[in-house]
Amino acid sequence: MILSVDGLSFSYRGVPVLEGVTFSVAKGETVALLGPNGTGKTTL
């Protein structure tokens, strides 16, 4: 396992940006984060 995230939450100025994010990335996997503006991609 290269990366494992379990239950990650983050708020910016009191506004929830990420809530309960859980995922893992195994060696050799390629991952892309897709979504509209303001959904926490850069924060993650």
Protein backbone atom coordinates (compact mmCIF):
# COMPACT_ATOMS: atom_id res chain seq x y z
CA MET A 1 0.00 0.00 0.00
CA ILE A 2 1.38 3.39 -1.04
CA LEU A 3 -1.32 5.59 0.52
CA SER A 4 -4.23 4.88 2.83
CA VAL A 5 -6.68 7.51 4.08
CA ASP A 6 -9.45 6.67 6.54
CA GLY A 7 -12.12 9.13 7.69
CA LEU A 8 -10.29 12.32 6.68
CA SER A 9 -12.21 15.54 7.38
CA PHE A 10 -11.10 19.14 6.85
CA SER A 11 -12.77 22.53 7.26
CA TYR A 12 -11.63 25.89 5.94
CA ARG A 13 -12.86 28.94 7.87
CA GLY A 14 -15.60 26.83 9.41
CA VAL A 15 -16.81 25.46 6.07
CA PRO A 16 -16.46 21.68 5.66
CA VAL A 17 -14.36 20.91 2.58
CA LEU A 18 -13.77 17.19 3.12
CA GLU A 19 -15.94 14.96 5.30
CA GLY A 20 -15.17 11.32 6.07
CA VAL A 21 -12.98 10.67 3.02
CA THR A 22 -11.67 7.10 2.88
CA PHE A 23 -9.61 5.55 0.09
CA SER A 24 -6.39 3.68 -0.60
CA VAL A 25 -3.91 3.59 -3.46
CA ALA A 26 -1.87 0.47 -4.09
CA LYS A 27 1.56 0.29 -5.68
CA GLY A 28 1.25 0.49 -9.46
CA GLU A 29 -2.22 2.09 -9.46
CA THR A 30 -2.88 5.36 -11.26
CA VAL A 31 -5.40 7.66 -9.61
CA ALA A 32 -7.10 10.83 -10.85
CA LEU A 33 -9.27 13.20 -8.83
CA LEU A 34 -12.13 14.63 -10.86
CA GLY A 35 -14.85 17.01 -9.80
CA PRO A 36 -16.21 20.54 -10.06
CA ASN A 37 -14.50 23.59 -8.58
CA GLY A 38 -14.65 23.87 -4.81
CA THR A 39 -15.01 20.18 -4.01
CA GLY A 40 -11.71 19.71 -2.14
CA LYS A 41 -9.43 18.21 -4.79
CA THR A 42 -6.55 20.60 -4.08
CA THR A 43 -7.06 20.35 -0.32
CA LEU A 44 -6.72 16.60 -0.50
